[in-house]
Amino acid sequence: MKWFKHYNEASDGHSFQQLISEKDYESLFVYWWLLEQISKFEDRNIEESLGKITLKFSYFKMKLGQNRQRITKVLQKIAKTFDLEVTENLDETVTVFGILS
């Protein structure tokens, strides 16, 4: 099991507090889950890939039990709240960029 660093007061930030006040715990969970996925899969040797991840929708389904429509809705909310770039690709994948940048 790998570990990754993050700010120990990240959950006190405006974006987190906004989701907490909305009781949108699903988006909070998926955001933290995405951080873990980036830690697992990003190529640390390529600067352009830092904070960027591309995952298949089937991976979201397998790991989170969410279908494409649901995960798309949650990712759009995360993108808006945390000012991230989320792109649905033609090959049934989604790319999230900007989490750690």
N, C-alpha and C. Protein backbone atom coordinates (compact mmCIF):
# COMPACT_ATOMS: atom_id res chain seq x y z
N MET A 1 0.85 -1.17 0.00
CA MET A 1 0.00 0.00 0.00
C MET A 1 0.89 1.23 0.00
N LYS A 2 0.65 2.12 -0.97
CA LYS A 2 1.40 3.37 -1.04
C LYS A 2 0.67 4.43 -0.22
N TRP A 3 1.38 5.47 0.09
CA TRP A 3 0.75 6.61 0.75
C TRP A 3 1.10 7.86 -0.03
N PHE A 4 0.33 8.92 0.16
CA PHE A 4 0.60 10.18 -0.51
C PHE A 4 0.35 11.32 0.47
N LYS A 5 1.06 12.41 0.25
CA LYS A 5 0.91 13.57 1.12
C LYS A 5 -0.25 14.43 0.65
N HIS A 6 -0.89 15.07 1.60
CA HIS A 6 -1.86 16.11 1.29
C HIS A 6 -1.91 17.05 2.48
N TYR A 7 -2.44 18.24 2.25
CA TYR A 7 -2.52 19.22 3.33
C TYR A 7 -3.41 18.69 4.45
N ASN A 8 -2.93 18.82 5.70
CA ASN A 8 -3.69 18.27 6.81
C ASN A 8 -4.91 19.12 7.16
N GLU A 9 -5.07 20.27 6.54
CA GLU A 9 -6.26 21.09 6.76
C GLU A 9 -7.10 21.21 5.48
N ALA A 10 -6.89 20.29 4.55
CA ALA A 10 -7.62 20.35 3.28
C ALA A 10 -9.13 20.33 3.49
N SER A 11 -9.58 19.56 4.46
CA SER A 11 -11.02 19.46 4.68
C SER A 11 -11.62 20.73 5.29
N ASP A 12 -10.78 21.67 5.68
CA ASP A 12 -11.28 22.95 6.20
C ASP A 12 -11.46 23.99 5.10
N GLY A 13 -11.08 23.65 3.88
CA GLY A 13 -11.17 24.60 2.77
C GLY A 13 -12.60 24.91 2.37
N HIS A 14 -12.76 25.99 1.62
CA HIS A 14 -14.08 26.46 1.20
C HIS A 14 -14.85 25.41 0.42
N SER A 15 -14.19 24.74 -0.52
CA SER A 15 -14.87 23.75 -1.37
C SER A 15 -15.42 22.59 -0.54
N PHE A 16 -14.62 22.10 0.40
CA PHE A 16 -15.09 21.01 1.26
C PHE A 16 -16.25 21.48 2.12
N GLN A 17 -16.10 22.66 2.69
CA GLN A 17 -17.15 23.17 3.56
C GLN A 17 -18.46 23.37 2.80
N GLN A 18 -18.35 23.78 1.54
CA GLN A 18 -19.55 23.94 0.71
C GLN A 18 -20.28 22.61 0.55
N LEU A 19 -19.53 21.55 0.22
CA LEU A 19 -20.15 20.24 0.05
C LEU A 19 -20.70 19.70 1.36
N ILE A 20 -20.00 19.96 2.45
CA ILE A 20 -20.48 19.51 3.77
C ILE A 20 -21.78 20.23 4.11
N SER A 21 -21.83 21.54 3.86
CA SER A 21 -23.06 22.28 4.18
C SER A 21 -24.23 21.81 3.33
N GLU A 22 -23.93 21.30 2.13
CA GLU A 22 -24.98 20.75 1.25
C GLU A 22 -25.27 19.28 1.56
N LYS A 23 -24.53 18.73 2.52
CA LYS A 23 -24.64 17.30 2.86
C LYS A 23 -24.39 16.40 1.64
N ASP A 24 -23.47 16.85 0.80
CA ASP A 24 -23.13 16.09 -0.42
C ASP A 24 -21.90 15.22 -0.13
N TYR A 25 -22.11 14.24 0.71
CA TYR A 25 -21.02 13.36 1.13
C TYR A 25 -20.56 12.45 0.00
N GLU A 26 -21.43 12.17 -0.93
CA GLU A 26 -21.05 11.33 -2.07
C GLU A 26 -19.94 12.02 -2.88
N SER A 27 -20.10 13.30 -3.17
CA SER A 27 -19.07 14.03 -3.92
C SER A 27 -17.76 14.11 -3.14
N LEU A 28 -17.85 14.32 -1.83
CA LEU A 28 -16.64 14.34 -1.00
C LEU A 28 -15.91 13.00 -1.07
N PHE A 29 -16.67 11.93 -0.94
CA PHE A 29 -16.07 10.60 -0.99
C PHE A 29 -15.40 10.35 -2.33
N VAL A 30 -16.10 10.66 -3.42
CA VAL A 30 -15.55 10.41 -4.75
C VAL A 30 -14.30 11.27 -4.97
N TYR A 31 -14.29 12.50 -4.49
CA TYR A 31 -13.10 13.35 -4.61
C TYR A 31 -11.90 12.70 -3.92
N TRP A 32 -12.07 12.26 -2.68
CA TRP A 32 -10.96 11.61 -1.96
C TRP A 32 -10.56 10.30 -2.63
N TRP A 33 -11.55 9.58 -3.15
CA TRP A 33 -11.26 8.33 -3.87
C TRP A 33 -10.43 8.62 -5.11
N LEU A 34 -10.76 9.72 -5.83
CA LEU A 34 -9.97 10.11 -7.00
C LEU A 34 -8.53 10.44 -6.63
N LEU A 35 -8.35 11.09 -5.48
CA LEU A 35 -6.98 11.36 -5.02
C LEU A 35 -6.19 10.06 -4.87
N GLU A 36 -6.83 9.06 -4.31
CA GLU A 36 -6.16 7.77 -4.15
C GLU A 36 -5.84 7.14 -5.50
N GLN A 37 -6.75 7.26 -6.46
CA GLN A 37 -6.52 6.70 -7.79
C GLN A 37 -5.36 7.41 -8.48
N ILE A 38 -5.30 8.72 -8.32
CA ILE A 38 -4.17 9.46 -8.90
C ILE A 38 -2.87 9.00 -8.27
N SER A 39 -2.88 8.81 -6.98
CA SER A 39 -1.67 8.33 -6.30
C SER A 39 -1.24 6.97 -6.84
N LYS A 40 -2.21 6.14 -7.20
CA LYS A 40 -1.90 4.80 -7.72
C LYS A 40 -1.43 4.82 -9.16
N PHE A 41 -2.07 5.64 -10.00
CA PHE A 41 -1.91 5.49 -11.44
C PHE A 41 -1.15 6.59 -12.17
N GLU A 42 -0.94 7.75 -11.58
CA GLU A 42 -0.27 8.81 -12.34
C GLU A 42 1.20 8.47 -12.56
N ASP A 43 1.75 8.97 -13.64
CA ASP A 43 3.16 8.77 -13.95
C ASP A 43 3.95 9.94 -13.38
N ARG A 44 4.62 9.73 -12.27
CA ARG A 44 5.34 10.79 -11.57
C ARG A 44 6.53 11.31 -12.38
N ASN A 45 6.92 10.58 -13.41
CA ASN A 45 8.07 10.99 -14.23
C ASN A 45 7.68 11.94 -15.36
N ILE A 46 6.40 12.12 -15.59
CA ILE A 46 5.93 13.00 -16.66
C ILE A 46 5.16 14.14 -16.02
N GLU A 47 5.72 15.32 -16.04
CA GLU A 47 5.13 16.46 -15.33
C GLU A 47 3.71 16.76 -15.79
N GLU A 48 3.42 16.59 -17.09
CA GLU A 48 2.08 16.88 -17.60
C GLU A 48 1.02 15.95 -17.02
N SER A 49 1.42 14.80 -16.48
CA SER A 49 0.44 13.85 -15.98
C SER A 49 0.19 14.01 -14.48
N LEU A 50 0.91 14.90 -13.82
CA LEU A 50 0.70 15.09 -12.39
C LEU A 50 -0.69 15.67 -12.14
N GLY A 51 -1.43 15.04 -11.26
CA GLY A 51 -2.77 15.50 -10.95
C GLY A 51 -3.79 15.17 -12.02
N LYS A 52 -3.45 14.22 -12.88
CA LYS A 52 -4.34 13.86 -14.00
C LYS A 52 -4.55 12.35 -14.00
N ILE A 53 -5.78 11.96 -14.25
CA ILE A 53 -6.06 10.53 -14.31
C ILE A 53 -7.15 10.27 -15.35
N THR A 54 -7.02 9.17 -16.06
CA THR A 54 -8.04 8.73 -17.00
C THR A 54 -8.46 7.33 -16.57
N LEU A 55 -9.76 7.18 -16.34
CA LEU A 55 -10.30 5.90 -15.89
C LEU A 55 -11.48 5.51 -16.76
N LYS A 56 -11.67 4.21 -16.93
CA LYS A 56 -12.83 3.70 -17.66
C LYS A 56 -14.07 3.82 -16.78
N PHE A 57 -15.20 4.09 -17.42
CA PHE A 57 -16.45 4.13 -16.67
C PHE A 57 -16.72 2.78 -16.02
N SER A 58 -16.28 1.70 -16.64
CA SER A 58 -16.48 0.38 -16.05
C SER A 58 -15.69 0.23 -14.75
N TYR A 59 -14.57 0.96 -14.62
CA TYR A 59 -13.79 0.93 -13.38
C TYR A 59 -14.58 1.60 -12.26
N PHE A 60 -15.21 2.73 -12.57
CA PHE A 60 -16.07 3.38 -11.57
C PHE A 60 -17.18 2.44 -11.12
N LYS A 61 -17.78 1.75 -12.09
CA LYS A 61 -18.86 0.81 -11.79
C LYS A 61 -18.36 -0.31 -10.89
N MET A 62 -17.20 -0.87 -11.22
CA MET A 62 -16.65 -1.97 -10.45
C MET A 62 -16.27 -1.53 -9.03
N LYS A 63 -15.61 -0.39 -8.91
CA LYS A 63 -15.09 0.06 -7.61
C LYS A 63 -16.12 0.77 -6.75
N LEU A 64 -17.00 1.56 -7.38
CA LEU A 64 -17.93 2.38 -6.62
C LEU A 64 -19.39 1.96 -6.77
N GLY A 65 -19.65 1.04 -7.70
CA GLY A 65 -21.02 0.58 -7.90
C GLY A 65 -21.91 1.64 -8.53
N GLN A 66 -21.29 2.60 -9.23
CA GLN A 66 -22.07 3.68 -9.84
C GLN A 66 -22.07 3.54 -11.36
N ASN A 67 -23.24 3.76 -11.96
CA ASN A 67 -23.31 3.69 -13.41
C ASN A 67 -22.78 4.99 -14.03
N ARG A 68 -22.69 4.99 -15.33
CA ARG A 68 -22.09 6.14 -16.04
C ARG A 68 -22.86 7.44 -15.77
N GLN A 69 -24.17 7.36 -15.80
CA GLN A 69 -24.98 8.56 -15.59
C GLN A 69 -24.72 9.15 -14.20
N ARG A 70 -24.68 8.31 -13.19
CA ARG A 70 -24.48 8.79 -11.81
C ARG A 70 -23.08 9.36 -11.63
N ILE A 71 -22.06 8.64 -12.11
CA ILE A 71 -20.69 9.12 -11.91
C ILE A 71 -20.46 10.40 -12.71
N THR A 72 -21.09 10.54 -13.87
CA THR A 72 -20.98 11.77 -14.64
C THR A 72 -21.53 12.95 -13.84
N LYS A 73 -22.67 12.75 -13.22
CA LYS A 73 -23.29 13.81 -12.41
C LYS A 73 -22.38 14.19 -11.24
N VAL A 74 -21.83 13.21 -10.56
CA VAL A 74 -20.96 13.48 -9.41
C VAL A 74 -19.67 14.17 -9.87
N LEU A 75 -19.09 13.70 -10.96
CA LEU A 75 -17.86 14.32 -11.46
C LEU A 75 -18.09 15.75 -11.91
N GLN A 76 -19.24 16.04 -12.48
CA GLN A 76 -19.55 17.42 -12.87
C GLN A 76 -19.62 18.31 -11.63
N LYS A 77 -20.22 17.80 -10.58
CA LYS A 77 -20.30 18.56 -9.32
C LYS A 77 -18.91 18.79 -8.74
N ILE A 78 -18.09 17.76 -8.73
CA ILE A 78 -16.72 17.88 -8.23
C ILE A 78 -15.93 18.88 -9.07
N ALA A 79 -16.08 18.81 -10.38
CA ALA A 79 -15.36 19.72 -11.28
C ALA A 79 -15.74 21.16 -10.99
N LYS A 80 -17.01 21.42 -10.84
CA LYS A 80 -17.48 22.78 -10.56
C LYS A 80 -17.00 23.26 -9.19
N THR A 81 -17.11 22.43 -8.19
CA THR A 81 -16.77 22.81 -6.82
C THR A 81 -15.28 23.03 -6.64
N PHE A 82 -14.46 22.16 -7.23
CA PHE A 82 -13.01 22.21 -7.02
C PHE A 82 -12.26 22.82 -8.21
N ASP A 83 -13.00 23.34 -9.20
CA ASP A 83 -12.41 23.96 -10.38
C ASP A 83 -11.46 23.01 -11.10
N LEU A 84 -11.98 21.85 -11.45
CA LEU A 84 -11.22 20.82 -12.15
C LEU A 84 -11.71 20.69 -13.58
N GLU A 85 -10.88 20.08 -14.39
CA GLU A 85 -11.26 19.77 -15.77
C GLU A 85 -11.67 18.31 -15.84
N VAL A 86 -12.89 18.05 -16.27
CA VAL A 86 -13.40 16.69 -16.43
C VAL A 86 -13.84 16.53 -17.89
N THR A 87 -13.27 15.52 -18.55
CA THR A 87 -13.56 15.29 -19.96
C THR A 87 -14.01 13.85 -20.16
N GLU A 88 -15.19 13.69 -20.76
CA GLU A 88 -15.63 12.35 -21.16
C GLU A 88 -15.05 12.07 -22.54
N ASN A 89 -14.38 10.96 -22.67
CA ASN A 89 -13.70 10.60 -23.91
C ASN A 89 -14.53 9.59 -24.72
N LEU A 90 -14.26 9.51 -26.00
CA LEU A 90 -15.01 8.62 -26.89
C LEU A 90 -14.78 7.14 -26.59
N ASP A 91 -13.69 6.82 -25.91
CA ASP A 91 -13.36 5.42 -25.65
C ASP A 91 -13.91 4.91 -24.31
N GLU A 92 -15.03 5.51 -23.85
CA GLU A 92 -15.68 5.09 -22.61
C GLU A 92 -14.81 5.34 -21.38
N THR A 93 -14.01 6.39 -21.43
CA THR A 93 -13.20 6.79 -20.28
C THR A 93 -13.54 8.23 -19.92
N VAL A 94 -13.09 8.61 -18.75
CA VAL A 94 -13.22 9.99 -18.30
C VAL A 94 -11.86 10.43 -17.76
N THR A 95 -11.48 11.65 -18.10
CA THR A 95 -10.21 12.21 -17.64
C THR A 95 -10.51 13.34 -16.66
N VAL A 96 -9.85 13.28 -15.50
CA VAL A 96 -9.98 14.32 -14.49
C VAL A 96 -8.60 14.93 -14.33
N PHE A 97 -8.55 16.28 -14.39
CA PHE A 97 -7.27 16.97 -14.32
C PHE A 97 -7.38 18.19 -13.41
N GLY A 98 -6.35 18.38 -12.61
CA GLY A 98 -6.26 19.58 -11.80
C GLY A 98 -6.37 19.33 -10.31
N ILE A 99 -6.52 18.09 -9.90
CA ILE A 99 -6.70 17.79 -8.49
C ILE A 99 -5.47 18.18 -7.67
N LEU A 100 -4.30 17.87 -8.16
CA LEU A 100 -3.09 18.15 -7.39
C LEU A 100 -2.28 19.29 -7.96
N SER A 101 -2.78 19.95 -8.98
CA SER A 101 -1.98 20.99 -9.61
C SER A 101 -2.23 22.34 -8.98
